[in-house]
Amino acid sequence: MRVVIAGGHGQIALLLEQQLATRGHAATALVRNPDHFGDVQEAGAVPVLCDLESADLDSVASYLNGADAAVFAAGAGAGSGAARKDTVDYGAAALFASAAVEAGVRRFVQVSSVGIEAADSPDVDPEFAVYLKAKKMAEEDLRGRDLDWTVLRPGRLVDGPGTGLVTLAAPRLPRGSVARADVAAVLVELLGAPGTIGKTLELVEGETPVGEAVRAVL
């Protein structure tokens, strides 16, 4: 399986690339800084220079040609400002999904966020609200496309080795955290689980092995 990953130098993406390589799959990582190529190659993926904030549809589609699946794992990040949350968390996601359609890559997994339903709440920090709104718009855009999509909403992301034990279910789960390594492990399983197509799933740490947790939502 060949997978193209948007946001290919992100923490989850690098872990995903490592896990795909370990299982014998090929990954192409779209990154916007050539200085990050070494990290991507060390993770076992092929880096491609592509800034989704400025790229055009045809160029992005060309990187997806011949792929079996696409994963959107990009994000503007904390402190990036409202404008970049709109251009990355929404705009880049929409462009990447459009490119997948153009290239005929049907399997599409999008990393989103828990808390989407609170995007318009006055109790949410304004900067975080902008982020949630952008993720919500990206989800809505994806649901309207002719793709075999799955949306994954991880809880609060933490570093460190994964436990391999998670809780995965349709919204909404109680608030919780999850290791980035476990998010990557779930993404790998979702790519090979067509029974999750059309589902929006939330993910936090738990007591169920990753593979079993994915099979349980089929």
C-alpha atoms as a PDB file:
ATOM      1  CA  MET A   1       0.000   0.000   0.000  1.00  0.00           C
ATOM      2  CA  ARG A   2       1.250   3.490  -0.870  1.00  0.00           C
ATOM      3  CA  VAL A   3      -0.010   6.287   1.350  1.00  0.00           C
ATOM      4  CA  VAL A   4       0.400  10.039   0.775  1.00  0.00           C
ATOM      5  CA  ILE A   5       0.489  12.064   3.983  1.00  0.00           C
ATOM      6  CA  ALA A   6      -0.204  15.795   4.205  1.00  0.00           C
ATOM      7  CA  GLY A   7       1.654  17.475   7.034  1.00  0.00           C
ATOM      8  CA  GLY A   8       4.351  14.851   6.617  1.00  0.00           C
ATOM      9  CA  HIS A   9       6.769  16.328   9.171  1.00  0.00           C
ATOM     10  CA  GLY A  10       4.208  16.586  11.966  1.00  0.00           C
ATOM     11  CA  GLN A  11       4.675  14.486  15.079  1.00  0.00           C
ATOM     12  CA  ILE A  12       1.792  12.133  14.309  1.00  0.00           C
ATOM     13  CA  ALA A  13       2.803  11.922  10.650  1.00  0.00           C
ATOM     14  CA  LEU A  14       6.389  10.903  11.422  1.00  0.00           C
ATOM     15  CA  LEU A  15       5.147   8.173  13.754  1.00  0.00           C
ATOM     16  CA  LEU A  16       2.672   7.044  11.101  1.00  0.00           C
ATOM     17  CA  GLU A  17       5.455   6.896   8.523  1.00  0.00           C
ATOM     18  CA  GLN A  18       7.546   4.737  10.860  1.00  0.00           C
ATOM     19  CA  GLN A  19       4.684   2.342  11.480  1.00  0.00           C
ATOM     20  CA  LEU A  20       3.815   2.082   7.790  1.00  0.00           C
ATOM     21  CA  ALA A  21       7.440   1.331   6.933  1.00  0.00           C
ATOM     22  CA  THR A  22       7.601  -1.324   9.650  1.00  0.00           C
ATOM     23  CA  ARG A  23       4.603  -3.059   8.067  1.00  0.00           C
ATOM     24  CA  GLY A  24       6.120  -2.938   4.592  1.00  0.00           C
ATOM     25  CA  HIS A  25       4.015  -0.079   3.218  1.00  0.00           C
ATOM     26  CA  ALA A  26       5.293   2.936   1.283  1.00  0.00           C
ATOM     27  CA  ALA A  27       4.628   6.515   2.361  1.00  0.00           C
ATOM     28  CA  THR A  28       5.072   9.815   0.555  1.00  0.00           C
ATOM     29  CA  ALA A  29       5.215  12.814   2.897  1.00  0.00           C
ATOM     30  CA  LEU A  30       4.249  16.297   1.749  1.00  0.00           C
ATOM     31  CA  VAL A  31       6.398  18.812   3.643  1.00  0.00           C
ATOM     32  CA  ARG A  32       6.864  22.545   3.185  1.00  0.00           C
ATOM     33  CA  ASN A  33      10.444  22.855   4.439  1.00  0.00           C
ATOM     34  CA  PRO A  34      13.306  21.004   2.704  1.00  0.00           C
ATOM     35  CA  ASP A  35      15.231  21.080   5.982  1.00  0.00           C
ATOM     36  CA  HIS A  36      12.770  18.434   7.212  1.00  0.00           C
ATOM     37  CA  PHE A  37      13.559  15.918   4.479  1.00  0.00           C
ATOM     38  CA  GLY A  38      16.116  14.095   6.633  1.00  0.00           C
ATOM     39  CA  ASP A  39      13.616  13.467   9.438  1.00  0.00           C
ATOM     40  CA  VAL A  40      11.064  12.120   6.971  1.00  0.00           C
ATOM     41  CA  GLN A  41      13.604   9.826   5.317  1.00  0.00           C
ATOM     42  CA  GLU A  42      14.726   8.558   8.715  1.00  0.00           C
ATOM     43  CA  ALA A  43      11.091   7.698   9.442  1.00  0.00           C
ATOM     44  CA  GLY A  44      11.040   5.567   6.307  1.00  0.00           C
ATOM     45  CA  ALA A  45       9.050   7.824   3.971  1.00  0.00           C
ATOM     46  CA  VAL A  46       9.791   9.692   0.745  1.00  0.00           C
ATOM     47  CA  PRO A  47       9.640  13.486   1.224  1.00  0.00           C
ATOM     48  CA  VAL A  48       8.107  15.785  -1.378  1.00  0.00           C
ATOM     49  CA  LEU A  49       8.307  19.569  -1.200  1.00  0.00           C
ATOM     50  CA  CYS A  50       4.733  20.861  -1.196  1.00  0.00           C
ATOM     51  CA  ASP A  51       3.277  23.819   0.688  1.00  0.00           C
ATOM     52  CA  LEU A  52      -0.470  23.235   0.758  1.00  0.00           C
ATOM     53  CA  GLU A  53      -1.096  26.901   1.562  1.00  0.00           C
ATOM     54  CA  SER A  54       0.262  27.962  -1.834  1.00  0.00           C
ATOM     55  CA  ALA A  55       0.126  24.845  -4.025  1.00  0.00           C
ATOM     56  CA  ASP A  56      -2.362  24.432  -6.857  1.00  0.00           C
ATOM     57  CA  LEU A  57      -4.736  21.519  -7.324  1.00  0.00           C
ATOM     58  CA  ASP A  58      -2.923  19.893 -10.238  1.00  0.00           C
ATOM     59  CA  SER A  59       0.452  19.822  -8.499  1.00  0.00           C
ATOM     60  CA  VAL A  60      -0.994  18.263  -5.329  1.00  0.00           C
ATOM     61  CA  ALA A  61      -2.937  15.730  -7.402  1.00  0.00           C
ATOM     62  CA  SER A  62       0.266  14.761  -9.190  1.00  0.00           C
ATOM     63  CA  TYR A  63       1.799  13.647  -5.875  1.00  0.00           C
ATOM     64  CA  LEU A  64      -1.276  11.521  -5.192  1.00  0.00           C
ATOM     65  CA  ASN A  65      -1.325   9.786  -8.572  1.00  0.00           C
ATOM     66  CA  GLY A  66      -1.082   6.026  -8.141  1.00  0.00           C
ATOM     67  CA  ALA A  67      -1.511   6.108  -4.357  1.00  0.00           C
ATOM     68  CA  ASP A  68      -3.800   3.735  -2.500  1.00  0.00           C
ATOM     69  CA  ALA A  69      -4.756   6.128   0.297  1.00  0.00           C
ATOM     70  CA  ALA A  70      -4.335   9.659   1.606  1.00  0.00           C
ATOM     71  CA  VAL A  71      -4.024  10.910   5.178  1.00  0.00           C
ATOM     72  CA  PHE A  72      -4.500  14.549   6.139  1.00  0.00           C
ATOM     73  CA  ALA A  73      -2.440  15.086   9.286  1.00  0.00           C
ATOM     74  CA  ALA A  74      -1.487  18.742   8.844  1.00  0.00           C
ATOM     75  CA  GLY A  75      -2.210  21.515  11.295  1.00  0.00           C
ATOM     76  CA  ALA A  76      -1.222  25.130  11.762  1.00  0.00           C
ATOM     77  CA  GLY A  77      -0.233  24.505  15.369  1.00  0.00           C
ATOM     78  CA  ALA A  78      -0.541  26.483  18.569  1.00  0.00           C
ATOM     79  CA  GLY A  79       0.176  30.203  18.330  1.00  0.00           C
ATOM     80  CA  SER A  80      -0.147  30.238  14.547  1.00  0.00           C
ATOM     81  CA  GLY A  81      -2.928  32.831  14.469  1.00  0.00           C
ATOM     82  CA  ALA A  82      -6.443  32.754  13.093  1.00  0.00           C
ATOM     83  CA  ALA A  83      -5.468  33.268   9.457  1.00  0.00           C
ATOM     84  CA  ARG A  84      -3.242  30.192   9.286  1.00  0.00           C
ATOM     85  CA  LYS A  85      -5.768  28.027  11.058  1.00  0.00           C
ATOM     86  CA  ASP A  86      -8.154  28.871   8.241  1.00  0.00           C
ATOM     87  CA  THR A  87      -5.601  28.301   5.466  1.00  0.00           C
ATOM     88  CA  VAL A  88      -4.157  25.077   6.923  1.00  0.00           C
ATOM     89  CA  ASP A  89      -6.725  23.339   9.133  1.00  0.00           C
ATOM     90  CA  TYR A  90      -9.514  24.093   6.664  1.00  0.00           C
ATOM     91  CA  GLY A  91      -8.059  25.329   3.385  1.00  0.00           C
ATOM     92  CA  ALA A  92      -5.252  22.794   3.062  1.00  0.00           C
ATOM     93  CA  ALA A  93      -7.582  19.971   4.085  1.00  0.00           C
ATOM     94  CA  ALA A  94     -10.064  20.940   1.385  1.00  0.00           C
ATOM     95  CA  LEU A  95      -7.316  21.232  -1.232  1.00  0.00           C
ATOM     96  CA  PHE A  96      -5.867  17.839  -0.309  1.00  0.00           C
ATOM     97  CA  ALA A  97      -9.316  16.227  -0.503  1.00  0.00           C
ATOM     98  CA  SER A  98      -9.932  17.864  -3.893  1.00  0.00           C
ATOM     99  CA  ALA A  99      -6.583  16.539  -5.093  1.00  0.00           C
ATOM    100  CA  ALA A 100      -7.482  13.035  -3.946  1.00  0.00           C
ATOM    101  CA  VAL A 101     -10.674  13.197  -5.987  1.00  0.00           C
ATOM    102  CA  GLU A 102      -8.720  14.520  -8.972  1.00  0.00           C
ATOM    103  CA  ALA A 103      -6.135  11.725  -8.691  1.00  0.00           C
ATOM    104  CA  GLY A 104      -8.718   8.997  -8.150  1.00  0.00           C
ATOM    105  CA  VAL A 105      -7.489   8.122  -4.649  1.00  0.00           C
ATOM    106  CA  ARG A 106     -10.630   7.032  -2.863  1.00  0.00           C
ATOM    107  CA  ARG A 107      -9.428   6.075   0.630  1.00  0.00           C
ATOM    108  CA  PHE A 108      -9.034   9.244   2.690  1.00  0.00           C
ATOM    109  CA  VAL A 109      -8.468   9.535   6.440  1.00  0.00           C
ATOM    110  CA  GLN A 110      -8.583  12.967   8.051  1.00  0.00           C
ATOM    111  CA  VAL A 111      -7.165  13.803  11.481  1.00  0.00           C
ATOM    112  CA  SER A 112      -9.492  16.266  13.168  1.00  0.00           C
ATOM    113  CA  SER A 113     -10.089  17.131  16.826  1.00  0.00           C
ATOM    114  CA  VAL A 114     -12.465  16.400  19.652  1.00  0.00           C
ATOM    115  CA  GLY A 115     -14.593  19.309  20.819  1.00  0.00           C
ATOM    116  CA  ILE A 116     -15.919  20.277  17.397  1.00  0.00           C
ATOM    117  CA  GLU A 117     -19.396  20.733  18.837  1.00  0.00           C
ATOM    118  CA  ALA A 118     -18.042  23.527  21.094  1.00  0.00           C
ATOM    119  CA  ALA A 119     -16.732  25.612  18.188  1.00  0.00           C
ATOM    120  CA  ASP A 120     -19.398  28.285  18.643  1.00  0.00           C
ATOM    121  CA  SER A 121     -19.502  28.251  22.428  1.00  0.00           C
ATOM    122  CA  PRO A 122     -18.755  31.600  24.127  1.00  0.00           C
ATOM    123  CA  ASP A 123     -16.975  29.651  26.869  1.00  0.00           C
ATOM    124  CA  VAL A 124     -14.196  28.477  24.553  1.00  0.00           C
ATOM    125  CA  ASP A 125     -10.926  30.403  24.264  1.00  0.00           C
ATOM    126  CA  PRO A 126     -11.250  32.565  21.108  1.00  0.00           C
ATOM    127  CA  GLU A 127      -8.074  31.246  19.468  1.00  0.00           C
ATOM    128  CA  PHE A 128      -9.057  27.651  20.154  1.00  0.00           C
ATOM    129  CA  ALA A 129     -12.550  28.384  18.836  1.00  0.00           C
ATOM    130  CA  VAL A 130     -11.040  29.472  15.508  1.00  0.00           C
ATOM    131  CA  TYR A 131      -9.150  26.177  15.371  1.00  0.00           C
ATOM    132  CA  LEU A 132     -12.276  24.148  16.137  1.00  0.00           C
ATOM    133  CA  LYS A 133     -14.288  26.043  13.518  1.00  0.00           C
ATOM    134  CA  ALA A 134     -11.627  25.355  10.891  1.00  0.00           C
ATOM    135  CA  LYS A 135     -11.622  21.642  11.760  1.00  0.00           C
ATOM    136  CA  LYS A 136     -15.417  21.601  11.688  1.00  0.00           C
ATOM    137  CA  MET A 137     -15.474  23.206   8.233  1.00  0.00           C
ATOM    138  CA  ALA A 138     -12.892  20.690   7.005  1.00  0.00           C
ATOM    139  CA  GLU A 139     -15.023  17.808   8.247  1.00  0.00           C
ATOM    140  CA  GLU A 140     -18.144  19.218   6.593  1.00  0.00           C
ATOM    141  CA  ASP A 141     -16.262  19.728   3.340  1.00  0.00           C
ATOM    142  CA  LEU A 142     -14.973  16.149   3.386  1.00  0.00           C
ATOM    143  CA  ARG A 143     -18.391  14.624   4.048  1.00  0.00           C
ATOM    144  CA  GLY A 144     -19.679  16.206   0.857  1.00  0.00           C
ATOM    145  CA  ARG A 145     -17.054  14.585  -1.338  1.00  0.00           C
ATOM    146  CA  ASP A 146     -17.152  11.347  -3.291  1.00  0.00           C
ATOM    147  CA  LEU A 147     -14.386   9.721  -1.244  1.00  0.00           C
ATOM    148  CA  ASP A 148     -14.150   6.701   1.041  1.00  0.00           C
ATOM    149  CA  TRP A 149     -13.474   8.919   4.020  1.00  0.00           C
ATOM    150  CA  THR A 150     -13.009   8.397   7.729  1.00  0.00           C
ATOM    151  CA  VAL A 151     -12.581  11.221  10.241  1.00  0.00           C
ATOM    152  CA  LEU A 152     -10.501  10.567  13.353  1.00  0.00           C
ATOM    153  CA  ARG A 153     -10.855  12.957  16.302  1.00  0.00           C
ATOM    154  CA  PRO A 154      -8.087  12.353  18.854  1.00  0.00           C
ATOM    155  CA  GLY A 155      -8.319  13.677  22.385  1.00  0.00           C
ATOM    156  CA  ARG A 156      -5.606  15.790  24.008  1.00  0.00           C
ATOM    157  CA  LEU A 157      -2.338  14.713  22.431  1.00  0.00           C
ATOM    158  CA  VAL A 158       0.551  13.647  24.641  1.00  0.00           C
ATOM    159  CA  ASP A 159       4.105  12.546  23.924  1.00  0.00           C
ATOM    160  CA  GLY A 160       5.842   9.375  24.950  1.00  0.00           C
ATOM    161  CA  PRO A 161       5.514   5.771  23.855  1.00  0.00           C
ATOM    162  CA  GLY A 162       2.058   4.530  23.080  1.00  0.00           C
ATOM    163  CA  THR A 163       0.396   1.945  25.240  1.00  0.00           C
ATOM    164  CA  GLY A 164      -1.364   0.221  22.357  1.00  0.00           C
ATOM    165  CA  LEU A 165      -4.555   0.436  24.414  1.00  0.00           C
ATOM    166  CA  VAL A 166      -7.291   2.879  23.385  1.00  0.00           C
ATOM    167  CA  THR A 167     -10.970   3.733  23.401  1.00  0.00           C
ATOM    168  CA  LEU A 168     -12.349   4.340  19.911  1.00  0.00           C
ATOM    169  CA  ALA A 169     -16.006   5.117  19.295  1.00  0.00           C
ATOM    170  CA  ALA A 170     -18.442   7.308  17.447  1.00  0.00           C
ATOM    171  CA  PRO A 171     -18.858  10.724  19.094  1.00  0.00           C
ATOM    172  CA  ARG A 172     -18.952  11.576  21.819  1.00  0.00           C
ATOM    173  CA  LEU A 173     -16.458  10.118  24.241  1.00  0.00           C
ATOM    174  CA  PRO A 174     -15.653  11.580  27.660  1.00  0.00           C
ATOM    175  CA  ARG A 175     -12.721  13.961  27.563  1.00  0.00           C
ATOM    176  CA  GLY A 176      -9.345  12.294  27.695  1.00  0.00           C
ATOM    177  CA  SER A 177      -5.831  12.209  26.322  1.00  0.00           C
ATOM    178  CA  VAL A 178      -4.083   9.885  23.899  1.00  0.00           C
ATOM    179  CA  ALA A 179      -0.454   9.330  22.944  1.00  0.00           C
ATOM    180  CA  ARG A 180       0.509  10.452  19.457  1.00  0.00           C
ATOM    181  CA  ALA A 181       2.022   7.012  18.870  1.00  0.00           C
ATOM    182  CA  ASP A 182      -1.359   5.420  19.539  1.00  0.00           C
ATOM    183  CA  VAL A 183      -3.027   7.861  17.138  1.00  0.00           C
ATOM    184  CA  ALA A 184      -0.560   6.761  14.461  1.00  0.00           C
ATOM    185  CA  ALA A 185      -1.266   3.103  15.216  1.00  0.00           C
ATOM    186  CA  VAL A 186      -5.010   3.677  14.870  1.00  0.00           C
ATOM    187  CA  LEU A 187      -4.488   5.487  11.566  1.00  0.00           C
ATOM    188  CA  VAL A 188      -2.630   2.492  10.155  1.00  0.00           C
ATOM    189  CA  GLU A 189      -5.468   0.186  11.167  1.00  0.00           C
ATOM    190  CA  LEU A 190      -8.130   2.527   9.762  1.00  0.00           C
ATOM    191  CA  LEU A 191      -6.445   2.580   6.362  1.00  0.00           C
ATOM    192  CA  GLY A 192      -7.054  -1.149   6.082  1.00  0.00           C
ATOM    193  CA  ALA A 193     -10.551  -1.089   7.563  1.00  0.00           C
ATOM    194  CA  PRO A 194     -13.134  -0.288   4.868  1.00  0.00           C
ATOM    195  CA  GLY A 195     -15.868  -0.850   7.426  1.00  0.00           C
ATOM    196  CA  THR A 196     -14.959   2.514   8.944  1.00  0.00           C
ATOM    197  CA  ILE A 197     -15.724   4.406   5.743  1.00  0.00           C
ATOM    198  CA  GLY A 198     -18.210   7.192   6.358  1.00  0.00           C
ATOM    199  CA  LYS A 199     -17.591   7.166  10.116  1.00  0.00           C
ATOM    200  CA  THR A 200     -16.448   9.939  12.451  1.00  0.00           C
ATOM    201  CA  LEU A 201     -14.577   8.394  15.363  1.00  0.00           C
ATOM    202  CA  GLU A 202     -13.196   9.809  18.595  1.00  0.00           C
ATOM    203  CA  LEU A 203     -10.073   8.425  20.226  1.00  0.00           C
ATOM    204  CA  VAL A 204      -8.671   8.524  23.757  1.00  0.00           C
ATOM    205  CA  GLU A 205      -6.524   6.215  25.833  1.00  0.00           C
ATOM    206  CA  GLY A 206      -8.295   3.123  27.096  1.00  0.00           C
ATOM    207  CA  GLU A 207      -8.043  -0.587  27.755  1.00  0.00           C
ATOM    208  CA  THR A 208      -8.662  -2.108  24.315  1.00  0.00           C
ATOM    209  CA  PRO A 209      -5.820  -3.106  21.954  1.00  0.00           C
ATOM    210  CA  VAL A 210      -5.719  -0.890  18.866  1.00  0.00           C
ATOM    211  CA  GLY A 211      -6.604  -3.585  16.342  1.00  0.00           C
ATOM    212  CA  GLU A 212      -9.463  -4.853  18.451  1.00  0.00           C
ATOM    213  CA  ALA A 213     -10.764  -1.309  19.003  1.00  0.00           C
ATOM    214  CA  VAL A 214     -10.895  -0.679  15.250  1.00  0.00           C
ATOM    215  CA  ARG A 215     -12.621  -3.994  14.563  1.00  0.00           C
ATOM    216  CA  ALA A 216     -15.206  -3.162  17.208  1.00  0.00           C
ATOM    217  CA  VAL A 217     -16.421  -0.097  15.270  1.00  0.00           C
ATOM    218  CA  LEU A 218     -16.766  -1.896  11.925  1.00  0.00           C
END
